[in-house]
């Protein structure tokens, strides 16, 4: 999964109608605008300090940051902009919108001299996972092997009980769970920095509130699901995010968890309907289009329930709105 996605993102712009998938910032400007207001509100409540860093993990075309920072600028919010991005193709696109941005391959080189305001939208779902399966003899990893010249699933030979949460050790035979050491490492680094430097983070992705049995690994190509082994390096491979685990990791590393909210409810609490009305008044010819965009982000049967918003912050930072 890691090798495939590294090649995939390095070689293309995967977003939009001509790509393989579309993300919330590309659906509607309202998404990024409300995120910008969320960060601006926190910044103002913390005294509008001059030195602060805005960080986006996996920023794609930079659309979210563009909309967020343009809106937050109304409150004189003008942070240094940092993007954690490994794709040369996407870095070039991001520099067109943010010529002065700072690029990083990972979080380790982010500055440590001021608070961080971090957003990660559909970033964690692309991090590699392990799948663990319960057999009569314990838990074993589901791995990738070869059948001739084609990839196939094979069972690992080493017991993996030590990676299984205690409450799952006695799960029924055939149960499958997914875990992501990469996601744990990234969240640990975010939480540690927020504890030491101050700041806040929004993690927005699709996933589950608590660990459940089943496989969520999937691949997308040209906006359609394909077999994960059919187009290695040519399709986007993702898995659902375990928000329960991310929350635990954040707490263990000293950050405060503001809460976990469905994307639809969070956007409603942030005022997306008020913003929709304003845009419709300004663009009466696009009233129906704007309504469809809002519905795609908010409705339960679209992105509203499957997608979640996790808010975390450093100690002594206020909790942001949207988590009531």
C-alpha atoms as a PDB file:
ATOM      1  CA  UNK A   1       0.000   0.000   0.000  1.00  0.00           C
ATOM      2  CA  UNK A   2       2.814   2.401   0.906  1.00  0.00           C
ATOM      3  CA  UNK A   3       4.833   1.619  -2.211  1.00  0.00           C
ATOM      4  CA  UNK A   4       1.820   1.834  -4.501  1.00  0.00           C
ATOM      5  CA  UNK A   5       0.602   5.164  -3.101  1.00  0.00           C
ATOM      6  CA  UNK A   6       4.110   6.656  -3.158  1.00  0.00           C
ATOM      7  CA  UNK A   7       4.354   5.988  -6.895  1.00  0.00           C
ATOM      8  CA  UNK A   8       0.739   7.004  -7.479  1.00  0.00           C
ATOM      9  CA  UNK A   9       0.948  10.440  -5.868  1.00  0.00           C
ATOM     10  CA  UNK A  10       4.425  11.216  -7.180  1.00  0.00           C
ATOM     11  CA  UNK A  11       3.363  10.830 -10.798  1.00  0.00           C
ATOM     12  CA  UNK A  12       0.075  12.710 -11.147  1.00  0.00           C
ATOM     13  CA  UNK A  13      -2.590  15.137  -9.986  1.00  0.00           C
ATOM     14  CA  UNK A  14      -5.234  12.595  -8.881  1.00  0.00           C
ATOM     15  CA  UNK A  15      -8.007  15.062  -8.108  1.00  0.00           C
ATOM     16  CA  UNK A  16     -11.064  16.267  -9.967  1.00  0.00           C
ATOM     17  CA  UNK A  17     -13.226  15.006 -12.804  1.00  0.00           C
ATOM     18  CA  UNK A  18     -10.197  14.033 -14.879  1.00  0.00           C
ATOM     19  CA  UNK A  19      -8.537  12.272 -11.951  1.00  0.00           C
ATOM     20  CA  UNK A  20      -9.543   9.357  -9.768  1.00  0.00           C
ATOM     21  CA  UNK A  21     -11.400  10.995  -6.875  1.00  0.00           C
ATOM     22  CA  UNK A  22     -12.663  14.311  -5.544  1.00  0.00           C
ATOM     23  CA  UNK A  23     -12.280  15.669  -2.025  1.00  0.00           C
ATOM     24  CA  UNK A  24     -14.465  18.022  -0.003  1.00  0.00           C
ATOM     25  CA  UNK A  25     -12.452  21.217  -0.732  1.00  0.00           C
ATOM     26  CA  UNK A  26     -12.853  20.542  -4.460  1.00  0.00           C
ATOM     27  CA  UNK A  27     -16.608  20.059  -4.060  1.00  0.00           C
ATOM     28  CA  UNK A  28     -17.310  23.429  -2.468  1.00  0.00           C
ATOM     29  CA  UNK A  29     -15.464  26.524  -1.267  1.00  0.00           C
ATOM     30  CA  UNK A  30     -17.665  26.424   1.846  1.00  0.00           C
ATOM     31  CA  UNK A  31     -15.661  23.526   3.254  1.00  0.00           C
ATOM     32  CA  UNK A  32     -12.334  25.349   3.337  1.00  0.00           C
ATOM     33  CA  UNK A  33     -13.930  28.638   4.352  1.00  0.00           C
ATOM     34  CA  UNK A  34     -15.469  27.158   7.487  1.00  0.00           C
ATOM     35  CA  UNK A  35     -12.185  25.495   8.412  1.00  0.00           C
ATOM     36  CA  UNK A  36     -10.499  28.880   8.035  1.00  0.00           C
ATOM     37  CA  UNK A  37     -13.059  30.461  10.363  1.00  0.00           C
ATOM     38  CA  UNK A  38     -12.492  27.662  12.892  1.00  0.00           C
ATOM     39  CA  UNK A  39      -8.759  28.337  13.029  1.00  0.00           C
ATOM     40  CA  UNK A  40      -9.194  32.135  12.988  1.00  0.00           C
ATOM     41  CA  UNK A  41     -11.583  31.904  15.945  1.00  0.00           C
ATOM     42  CA  UNK A  42      -9.038  29.924  17.983  1.00  0.00           C
ATOM     43  CA  UNK A  43      -6.259  32.309  17.011  1.00  0.00           C
ATOM     44  CA  UNK A  44      -8.257  35.363  18.084  1.00  0.00           C
ATOM     45  CA  UNK A  45      -9.226  33.701  21.373  1.00  0.00           C
ATOM     46  CA  UNK A  46      -5.541  33.040  22.064  1.00  0.00           C
ATOM     47  CA  UNK A  47      -4.675  36.704  21.663  1.00  0.00           C
ATOM     48  CA  UNK A  48      -3.974  36.990  17.917  1.00  0.00           C
ATOM     49  CA  UNK A  49      -0.294  36.238  18.403  1.00  0.00           C
ATOM     50  CA  UNK A  50       1.836  37.374  15.484  1.00  0.00           C
ATOM     51  CA  UNK A  51       4.002  34.284  15.086  1.00  0.00           C
ATOM     52  CA  UNK A  52       2.087  31.130  14.249  1.00  0.00           C
ATOM     53  CA  UNK A  53       2.340  28.342  11.673  1.00  0.00           C
ATOM     54  CA  UNK A  54      -0.432  26.937   9.513  1.00  0.00           C
ATOM     55  CA  UNK A  55       0.221  23.348   8.430  1.00  0.00           C
ATOM     56  CA  UNK A  56      -1.695  21.142   6.003  1.00  0.00           C
ATOM     57  CA  UNK A  57      -0.870  17.464   5.646  1.00  0.00           C
ATOM     58  CA  UNK A  58      -1.374  16.162   2.105  1.00  0.00           C
ATOM     59  CA  UNK A  59      -2.778  19.427   0.701  1.00  0.00           C
ATOM     60  CA  UNK A  60      -3.522  18.193  -2.827  1.00  0.00           C
ATOM     61  CA  UNK A  61      -3.880  21.239  -5.058  1.00  0.00           C
ATOM     62  CA  UNK A  62      -3.868  23.575  -2.054  1.00  0.00           C
ATOM     63  CA  UNK A  63      -7.573  24.316  -2.483  1.00  0.00           C
ATOM     64  CA  UNK A  64      -8.474  23.862   1.178  1.00  0.00           C
ATOM     65  CA  UNK A  65      -5.645  26.113   2.368  1.00  0.00           C
ATOM     66  CA  UNK A  66      -6.482  28.729  -0.264  1.00  0.00           C
ATOM     67  CA  UNK A  67     -10.123  28.970   0.806  1.00  0.00           C
ATOM     68  CA  UNK A  68      -9.324  28.692   4.521  1.00  0.00           C
ATOM     69  CA  UNK A  69      -6.615  31.339   4.612  1.00  0.00           C
ATOM     70  CA  UNK A  70      -8.494  33.747   2.329  1.00  0.00           C
ATOM     71  CA  UNK A  71     -11.408  33.656   4.762  1.00  0.00           C
ATOM     72  CA  UNK A  72      -9.249  33.822   7.892  1.00  0.00           C
ATOM     73  CA  UNK A  73      -7.377  36.825   6.446  1.00  0.00           C
ATOM     74  CA  UNK A  74     -10.447  38.948   7.199  1.00  0.00           C
ATOM     75  CA  UNK A  75      -9.335  38.702  10.831  1.00  0.00           C
ATOM     76  CA  UNK A  76      -5.727  39.626   9.948  1.00  0.00           C
ATOM     77  CA  UNK A  77      -4.703  35.984  10.296  1.00  0.00           C
ATOM     78  CA  UNK A  78      -1.536  35.670   8.186  1.00  0.00           C
ATOM     79  CA  UNK A  79       0.491  32.668   9.357  1.00  0.00           C
ATOM     80  CA  UNK A  80       3.527  31.056   7.805  1.00  0.00           C
ATOM     81  CA  UNK A  81       2.270  28.285   5.507  1.00  0.00           C
ATOM     82  CA  UNK A  82       3.741  24.787   5.658  1.00  0.00           C
ATOM     83  CA  UNK A  83       2.748  21.808   3.526  1.00  0.00           C
ATOM     84  CA  UNK A  84       3.685  18.207   4.290  1.00  0.00           C
ATOM     85  CA  UNK A  85       3.811  16.833   0.768  1.00  0.00           C
ATOM     86  CA  UNK A  86       6.040  14.241  -0.922  1.00  0.00           C
ATOM     87  CA  UNK A  87       4.704  14.460  -4.490  1.00  0.00           C
ATOM     88  CA  UNK A  88       6.802  16.675  -6.808  1.00  0.00           C
ATOM     89  CA  UNK A  89       3.791  17.035  -9.093  1.00  0.00           C
ATOM     90  CA  UNK A  90       1.524  18.324  -6.344  1.00  0.00           C
ATOM     91  CA  UNK A  91       4.254  20.489  -4.816  1.00  0.00           C
ATOM     92  CA  UNK A  92       4.532  22.370  -8.106  1.00  0.00           C
ATOM     93  CA  UNK A  93       0.767  22.955  -8.191  1.00  0.00           C
ATOM     94  CA  UNK A  94       0.769  24.128  -4.565  1.00  0.00           C
ATOM     95  CA  UNK A  95       3.557  26.641  -5.226  1.00  0.00           C
ATOM     96  CA  UNK A  96       1.442  28.297  -7.913  1.00  0.00           C
ATOM     97  CA  UNK A  97      -1.095  29.278  -5.233  1.00  0.00           C
ATOM     98  CA  UNK A  98       1.368  29.679  -2.348  1.00  0.00           C
ATOM     99  CA  UNK A  99       4.729  30.840  -3.776  1.00  0.00           C
ATOM    100  CA  UNK A 100       6.144  31.378  -0.303  1.00  0.00           C
ATOM    101  CA  UNK A 101       5.063  28.109   1.260  1.00  0.00           C
ATOM    102  CA  UNK A 102       7.482  25.774   3.025  1.00  0.00           C
ATOM    103  CA  UNK A 103       7.423  22.128   1.939  1.00  0.00           C
ATOM    104  CA  UNK A 104       8.245  19.160   4.178  1.00  0.00           C
ATOM    105  CA  UNK A 105       8.501  15.430   3.471  1.00  0.00           C
ATOM    106  CA  UNK A 106       7.205  14.662   6.972  1.00  0.00           C
ATOM    107  CA  UNK A 107       6.405  16.365  10.272  1.00  0.00           C
ATOM    108  CA  UNK A 108       9.933  16.101  11.660  1.00  0.00           C
ATOM    109  CA  UNK A 109      11.130  19.275   9.925  1.00  0.00           C
ATOM    110  CA  UNK A 110       8.196  21.490  10.922  1.00  0.00           C
ATOM    111  CA  UNK A 111       9.319  24.552  12.925  1.00  0.00           C
ATOM    112  CA  UNK A 112       9.252  24.341  16.701  1.00  0.00           C
ATOM    113  CA  UNK A 113       9.384  28.057  17.530  1.00  0.00           C
ATOM    114  CA  UNK A 114       5.631  28.826  17.595  1.00  0.00           C
ATOM    115  CA  UNK A 115       2.207  27.153  17.880  1.00  0.00           C
ATOM    116  CA  UNK A 116       0.946  24.981  15.024  1.00  0.00           C
ATOM    117  CA  UNK A 117      -2.527  25.029  13.491  1.00  0.00           C
ATOM    118  CA  UNK A 118      -2.776  21.759  11.580  1.00  0.00           C
ATOM    119  CA  UNK A 119      -5.383  20.401   9.186  1.00  0.00           C
ATOM    120  CA  UNK A 120      -5.339  16.935   7.609  1.00  0.00           C
ATOM    121  CA  UNK A 121      -8.177  16.237   5.188  1.00  0.00           C
ATOM    122  CA  UNK A 122      -8.177  12.747   3.657  1.00  0.00           C
ATOM    123  CA  UNK A 123      -4.569  12.220   4.675  1.00  0.00           C
ATOM    124  CA  UNK A 124      -4.744   9.408   7.212  1.00  0.00           C
ATOM    125  CA  UNK A 125      -6.817   7.130   4.946  1.00  0.00           C
ATOM    126  CA  UNK A 126      -3.872   6.785   2.548  1.00  0.00           C
ATOM    127  CA  UNK A 127      -1.403   5.638   5.222  1.00  0.00           C
ATOM    128  CA  UNK A 128      -0.530   1.920   5.039  1.00  0.00           C
ATOM    129  CA  UNK A 129      -2.388  -0.554   7.224  1.00  0.00           C
ATOM    130  CA  UNK A 130      -1.908  -4.051   8.597  1.00  0.00           C
ATOM    131  CA  UNK A 131      -4.791  -6.523   8.483  1.00  0.00           C
ATOM    132  CA  UNK A 132      -4.894  -9.069  11.307  1.00  0.00           C
ATOM    133  CA  UNK A 133      -7.044 -12.202  11.090  1.00  0.00           C
ATOM    134  CA  UNK A 134      -8.163 -14.477  13.938  1.00  0.00           C
ATOM    135  CA  UNK A 135      -7.573 -18.175  13.328  1.00  0.00           C
ATOM    136  CA  UNK A 136      -8.002 -21.163  15.614  1.00  0.00           C
ATOM    137  CA  UNK A 137      -4.367 -20.696  16.674  1.00  0.00           C
ATOM    138  CA  UNK A 138      -4.452 -16.946  17.348  1.00  0.00           C
ATOM    139  CA  UNK A 139      -3.989 -13.781  15.327  1.00  0.00           C
ATOM    140  CA  UNK A 140      -1.952 -13.734  12.113  1.00  0.00           C
ATOM    141  CA  UNK A 141      -1.238 -10.972   9.616  1.00  0.00           C
ATOM    142  CA  UNK A 142      -2.849 -10.994   6.193  1.00  0.00           C
ATOM    143  CA  UNK A 143      -0.026 -10.364   3.769  1.00  0.00           C
ATOM    144  CA  UNK A 144       0.618  -9.964   0.040  1.00  0.00           C
ATOM    145  CA  UNK A 145       2.184 -12.740  -2.000  1.00  0.00           C
ATOM    146  CA  UNK A 146       2.394 -13.887  -5.596  1.00  0.00           C
ATOM    147  CA  UNK A 147       0.273 -16.337  -7.545  1.00  0.00           C
ATOM    148  CA  UNK A 148       2.313 -16.665 -10.711  1.00  0.00           C
ATOM    149  CA  UNK A 149       2.899 -13.050 -11.709  1.00  0.00           C
ATOM    150  CA  UNK A 150      -0.178 -11.662  -9.919  1.00  0.00           C
ATOM    151  CA  UNK A 151      -0.543 -10.350  -6.403  1.00  0.00           C
ATOM    152  CA  UNK A 152      -2.713 -12.322  -4.007  1.00  0.00           C
ATOM    153  CA  UNK A 153      -3.475 -12.470  -0.277  1.00  0.00           C
ATOM    154  CA  UNK A 154      -1.511 -14.944   1.829  1.00  0.00           C
ATOM    155  CA  UNK A 155      -1.481 -15.718   5.545  1.00  0.00           C
ATOM    156  CA  UNK A 156       1.540 -14.705   7.586  1.00  0.00           C
ATOM    157  CA  UNK A 157       3.341 -17.326   9.642  1.00  0.00           C
ATOM    158  CA  UNK A 158       4.132 -15.265  12.739  1.00  0.00           C
ATOM    159  CA  UNK A 159       1.675 -14.835  15.610  1.00  0.00           C
ATOM    160  CA  UNK A 160       0.581 -11.187  15.902  1.00  0.00           C
ATOM    161  CA  UNK A 161      -1.390 -11.288  19.151  1.00  0.00           C
ATOM    162  CA  UNK A 162       0.824  -8.516  20.561  1.00  0.00           C
ATOM    163  CA  UNK A 163      -0.629  -6.052  18.011  1.00  0.00           C
ATOM    164  CA  UNK A 164      -4.234  -6.845  18.908  1.00  0.00           C
ATOM    165  CA  UNK A 165      -6.137  -4.702  21.450  1.00  0.00           C
ATOM    166  CA  UNK A 166      -6.798  -6.703  24.658  1.00  0.00           C
ATOM    167  CA  UNK A 167     -10.569  -6.598  24.156  1.00  0.00           C
ATOM    168  CA  UNK A 168     -10.147  -8.333  20.770  1.00  0.00           C
ATOM    169  CA  UNK A 169      -7.813 -11.149  21.762  1.00  0.00           C
ATOM    170  CA  UNK A 170     -10.690 -13.603  22.228  1.00  0.00           C
ATOM    171  CA  UNK A 171     -12.687 -12.513  19.170  1.00  0.00           C
ATOM    172  CA  UNK A 172     -14.399 -15.230  17.172  1.00  0.00           C
ATOM    173  CA  UNK A 173     -12.489 -17.172  14.538  1.00  0.00           C
ATOM    174  CA  UNK A 174     -12.496 -15.376  11.187  1.00  0.00           C
ATOM    175  CA  UNK A 175     -12.580 -11.863  12.676  1.00  0.00           C
ATOM    176  CA  UNK A 176     -10.416  -9.329  10.841  1.00  0.00           C
ATOM    177  CA  UNK A 177      -9.184  -6.002  12.184  1.00  0.00           C
ATOM    178  CA  UNK A 178      -7.048  -3.282  10.672  1.00  0.00           C
ATOM    179  CA  UNK A 179      -4.368  -1.194  12.347  1.00  0.00           C
ATOM    180  CA  UNK A 180      -1.980   1.447  11.079  1.00  0.00           C
ATOM    181  CA  UNK A 181       1.366   1.946  12.832  1.00  0.00           C
ATOM    182  CA  UNK A 182       2.013   4.813  10.396  1.00  0.00           C
ATOM    183  CA  UNK A 183      -1.154   6.607  11.530  1.00  0.00           C
ATOM    184  CA  UNK A 184      -0.187   6.060  15.176  1.00  0.00           C
ATOM    185  CA  UNK A 185       3.248   7.565  14.529  1.00  0.00           C
ATOM    186  CA  UNK A 186       1.871  10.629  12.726  1.00  0.00           C
ATOM    187  CA  UNK A 187      -0.795  11.282  15.348  1.00  0.00           C
ATOM    188  CA  UNK A 188       1.779  10.838  18.107  1.00  0.00           C
ATOM    189  CA  UNK A 189       4.005  13.464  16.494  1.00  0.00           C
ATOM    190  CA  UNK A 190       1.085  15.883  16.047  1.00  0.00           C
ATOM    191  CA  UNK A 191      -0.021  15.480  19.666  1.00  0.00           C
ATOM    192  CA  UNK A 192       3.515  15.810  21.037  1.00  0.00           C
ATOM    193  CA  UNK A 193       4.092  19.034  19.123  1.00  0.00           C
ATOM    194  CA  UNK A 194       0.744  20.499  20.183  1.00  0.00           C
ATOM    195  CA  UNK A 195       1.576  19.707  23.807  1.00  0.00           C
ATOM    196  CA  UNK A 196       5.031  21.309  23.586  1.00  0.00           C
ATOM    197  CA  UNK A 197       4.371  24.178  21.147  1.00  0.00           C
ATOM    198  CA  UNK A 198       0.675  24.833  21.554  1.00  0.00           C
ATOM    199  CA  UNK A 199      -1.894  24.924  18.805  1.00  0.00           C
ATOM    200  CA  UNK A 200      -4.712  22.778  17.465  1.00  0.00           C
ATOM    201  CA  UNK A 201      -5.452  20.245  14.745  1.00  0.00           C
ATOM    202  CA  UNK A 202      -8.421  19.107  12.696  1.00  0.00           C
ATOM    203  CA  UNK A 203      -8.313  15.550  11.340  1.00  0.00           C
ATOM    204  CA  UNK A 204     -11.027  15.017   8.701  1.00  0.00           C
ATOM    205  CA  UNK A 205     -11.454  11.676   6.991  1.00  0.00           C
ATOM    206  CA  UNK A 206     -13.752   8.737   6.445  1.00  0.00           C
ATOM    207  CA  UNK A 207     -13.696   6.011   9.040  1.00  0.00           C
ATOM    208  CA  UNK A 208     -15.272   4.532  12.128  1.00  0.00           C
ATOM    209  CA  UNK A 209     -15.755   5.831  15.646  1.00  0.00           C
ATOM    210  CA  UNK A 210     -14.497   2.592  17.161  1.00  0.00           C
ATOM    211  CA  UNK A 211     -12.667  -0.485  15.958  1.00  0.00           C
ATOM    212  CA  UNK A 212     -14.889  -3.007  14.182  1.00  0.00           C
ATOM    213  CA  UNK A 213     -14.286  -6.328  12.469  1.00  0.00           C
ATOM    214  CA  UNK A 214     -14.014  -6.278   8.699  1.00  0.00           C
ATOM    215  CA  UNK A 215     -11.815  -5.122   5.829  1.00  0.00           C
ATOM    216  CA  UNK A 216     -12.051  -1.590   4.442  1.00  0.00           C
ATOM    217  CA  UNK A 217      -9.084  -1.636   2.046  1.00  0.00           C
ATOM    218  CA  UNK A 218     -10.152  -0.255  -1.321  1.00  0.00           C
ATOM    219  CA  UNK A 219      -8.768   1.206  -4.521  1.00  0.00           C
ATOM    220  CA  UNK A 220     -10.187   3.977  -6.724  1.00  0.00           C
ATOM    221  CA  UNK A 221      -9.425   4.629 -10.377  1.00  0.00           C
ATOM    222  CA  UNK A 222     -11.388   7.055 -12.548  1.00  0.00           C
ATOM    223  CA  UNK A 223     -13.911   7.503  -9.719  1.00  0.00           C
ATOM    224  CA  UNK A 224     -14.701   3.776  -9.636  1.00  0.00           C
ATOM    225  CA  UNK A 225     -13.713   1.067  -7.188  1.00  0.00           C
ATOM    226  CA  UNK A 226     -11.250  -1.441  -8.597  1.00  0.00           C
ATOM    227  CA  UNK A 227      -9.455  -4.438  -7.139  1.00  0.00           C
ATOM    228  CA  UNK A 228      -6.527  -3.273  -5.005  1.00  0.00           C
ATOM    229  CA  UNK A 229      -4.163  -5.570  -6.927  1.00  0.00           C
ATOM    230  CA  UNK A 230      -5.268  -4.642 -10.449  1.00  0.00           C
ATOM    231  CA  UNK A 231      -3.422  -1.323 -10.873  1.00  0.00           C
ATOM    232  CA  UNK A 232      -0.549  -1.032  -8.360  1.00  0.00           C
ATOM    233  CA  UNK A 233       0.881   2.463  -8.496  1.00  0.00           C
ATOM    234  CA  UNK A 234      -1.888   3.586 -10.841  1.00  0.00           C
ATOM    235  CA  UNK A 235      -4.844   3.692  -8.429  1.00  0.00           C
ATOM    236  CA  UNK A 236      -5.488   5.364  -5.065  1.00  0.00           C
ATOM    237  CA  UNK A 237      -5.424   2.756  -2.280  1.00  0.00           C
ATOM    238  CA  UNK A 238      -7.054   3.708   1.023  1.00  0.00           C
ATOM    239  CA  UNK A 239      -8.607   2.276   4.173  1.00  0.00           C
ATOM    240  CA  UNK A 240     -11.006   3.618   6.782  1.00  0.00           C
ATOM    241  CA  UNK A 241      -9.481   5.588   9.639  1.00  0.00           C
ATOM    242  CA  UNK A 242      -9.780   4.278  13.202  1.00  0.00           C
ATOM    243  CA  UNK A 243     -10.719   7.478  15.024  1.00  0.00           C
ATOM    244  CA  UNK A 244     -10.963   5.716  18.371  1.00  0.00           C
ATOM    245  CA  UNK A 245      -7.293   4.790  18.087  1.00  0.00           C
ATOM    246  CA  UNK A 246      -6.265   8.289  16.977  1.00  0.00           C
ATOM    247  CA  UNK A 247      -8.038   9.812  19.970  1.00  0.00           C
ATOM    248  CA  UNK A 248      -6.271   7.434  22.370  1.00  0.00           C
ATOM    249  CA  UNK A 249      -2.884   8.201  20.826  1.00  0.00           C
ATOM    250  CA  UNK A 250      -3.468  11.957  21.057  1.00  0.00           C
ATOM    251  CA  UNK A 251      -4.339  11.674  24.744  1.00  0.00           C
ATOM    252  CA  UNK A 252      -1.374   9.397  25.492  1.00  0.00           C
ATOM    253  CA  UNK A 253       0.985  11.987  24.005  1.00  0.00           C
ATOM    254  CA  UNK A 254      -0.383  14.839  26.098  1.00  0.00           C
ATOM    255  CA  UNK A 255      -2.874  16.572  23.808  1.00  0.00           C
ATOM    256  CA  UNK A 256      -6.499  17.332  24.656  1.00  0.00           C
ATOM    257  CA  UNK A 257      -9.235  15.809  22.497  1.00  0.00           C
ATOM    258  CA  UNK A 258     -11.942  18.372  21.737  1.00  0.00           C
ATOM    259  CA  UNK A 259     -14.283  15.752  20.360  1.00  0.00           C
ATOM    260  CA  UNK A 260     -15.263  13.642  17.394  1.00  0.00           C
ATOM    261  CA  UNK A 261     -18.141  14.759  15.194  1.00  0.00           C
ATOM    262  CA  UNK A 262     -19.717  13.615  11.951  1.00  0.00           C
ATOM    263  CA  UNK A 263     -18.683  15.928   9.134  1.00  0.00           C
ATOM    264  CA  UNK A 264     -22.267  16.904   8.370  1.00  0.00           C
ATOM    265  CA  UNK A 265     -23.073  17.886  11.950  1.00  0.00           C
ATOM    266  CA  UNK A 266     -19.753  19.703  12.364  1.00  0.00           C
ATOM    267  CA  UNK A 267     -20.359  21.769   9.227  1.00  0.00           C
ATOM    268  CA  UNK A 268     -23.894  22.574  10.349  1.00  0.00           C
ATOM    269  CA  UNK A 269     -22.611  23.777  13.708  1.00  0.00           C
ATOM    270  CA  UNK A 270     -19.998  25.847  11.875  1.00  0.00           C
ATOM    271  CA  UNK A 271     -22.754  27.624   9.945  1.00  0.00           C
ATOM    272  CA  UNK A 272     -22.668  26.059   6.492  1.00  0.00           C
ATOM    273  CA  UNK A 273     -26.362  26.779   5.922  1.00  0.00           C
ATOM    274  CA  UNK A 274     -25.901  30.483   6.642  1.00  0.00           C
ATOM    275  CA  UNK A 275     -22.930  30.547   4.293  1.00  0.00           C
ATOM    276  CA  UNK A 276     -24.968  28.706   1.641  1.00  0.00           C
ATOM    277  CA  UNK A 277     -27.727  31.325   1.793  1.00  0.00           C
ATOM    278  CA  UNK A 278     -25.200  34.128   1.358  1.00  0.00           C
ATOM    279  CA  UNK A 279     -23.625  32.460  -1.675  1.00  0.00           C
ATOM    280  CA  UNK A 280     -27.041  31.785  -3.213  1.00  0.00           C
ATOM    281  CA  UNK A 281     -28.053  35.437  -2.835  1.00  0.00           C
ATOM    282  CA  UNK A 282     -24.814  36.497  -4.516  1.00  0.00           C
ATOM    283  CA  UNK A 283     -25.108  33.865  -7.280  1.00  0.00           C
ATOM    284  CA  UNK A 284     -28.837  33.311  -7.915  1.00  0.00           C
ATOM    285  CA  UNK A 285     -28.142  31.448 -11.166  1.00  0.00           C
ATOM    286  CA  UNK A 286     -26.184  28.793  -9.257  1.00  0.00           C
ATOM    287  CA  UNK A 287     -28.648  28.316  -6.409  1.00  0.00           C
ATOM    288  CA  UNK A 288     -29.373  24.668  -7.173  1.00  0.00           C
ATOM    289  CA  UNK A 289     -25.701  23.846  -7.813  1.00  0.00           C
ATOM    290  CA  UNK A 290     -24.663  25.361  -4.501  1.00  0.00           C
ATOM    291  CA  UNK A 291     -27.406  23.414  -2.724  1.00  0.00           C
ATOM    292  CA  UNK A 292     -26.151  20.158  -4.260  1.00  0.00           C
ATOM    293  CA  UNK A 293     -22.617  20.933  -3.149  1.00  0.00           C
ATOM    294  CA  UNK A 294     -23.776  21.595   0.395  1.00  0.00           C
ATOM    295  CA  UNK A 295     -25.849  18.406   0.436  1.00  0.00           C
ATOM    296  CA  UNK A 296     -22.931  16.304  -0.768  1.00  0.00           C
ATOM    297  CA  UNK A 297     -20.839  17.512   2.149  1.00  0.00           C
ATOM    298  CA  UNK A 298     -23.553  17.286   4.806  1.00  0.00           C
ATOM    299  CA  UNK A 299     -26.210  14.680   3.997  1.00  0.00           C
ATOM    300  CA  UNK A 300     -26.010  11.406   5.913  1.00  0.00           C
ATOM    301  CA  UNK A 301     -26.182   9.254   2.775  1.00  0.00           C
ATOM    302  CA  UNK A 302     -23.322  11.169   1.163  1.00  0.00           C
ATOM    303  CA  UNK A 303     -20.324  12.463   3.169  1.00  0.00           C
ATOM    304  CA  UNK A 304     -22.093  13.676   6.294  1.00  0.00           C
ATOM    305  CA  UNK A 305     -21.936  10.533   8.427  1.00  0.00           C
ATOM    306  CA  UNK A 306     -19.113   8.409   6.997  1.00  0.00           C
ATOM    307  CA  UNK A 307     -16.684  11.321   7.233  1.00  0.00           C
ATOM    308  CA  UNK A 308     -15.646  12.410  10.729  1.00  0.00           C
ATOM    309  CA  UNK A 309     -13.954  15.473  12.206  1.00  0.00           C
ATOM    310  CA  UNK A 310     -11.551  14.984  15.123  1.00  0.00           C
ATOM    311  CA  UNK A 311     -10.378  18.070  16.985  1.00  0.00           C
ATOM    312  CA  UNK A 312      -7.334  18.078  19.258  1.00  0.00           C
ATOM    313  CA  UNK A 313      -5.314  20.853  20.894  1.00  0.00           C
ATOM    314  CA  UNK A 314      -2.422  21.583  23.185  1.00  0.00           C
ATOM    315  CA  UNK A 315      -2.943  22.105  26.873  1.00  0.00           C
ATOM    316  CA  UNK A 316      -4.352  25.524  27.812  1.00  0.00           C
ATOM    317  CA  UNK A 317      -5.678  26.056  24.294  1.00  0.00           C
ATOM    318  CA  UNK A 318      -9.454  26.581  24.038  1.00  0.00           C
ATOM    319  CA  UNK A 319     -11.744  24.001  22.463  1.00  0.00           C
ATOM    320  CA  UNK A 320     -12.956  25.002  19.007  1.00  0.00           C
ATOM    321  CA  UNK A 321     -16.602  25.267  18.019  1.00  0.00           C
ATOM    322  CA  UNK A 322     -18.398  22.441  16.252  1.00  0.00           C
ATOM    323  CA  UNK A 323     -17.971  19.728  18.875  1.00  0.00           C
ATOM    324  CA  UNK A 324     -21.054  20.395  21.017  1.00  0.00           C
END
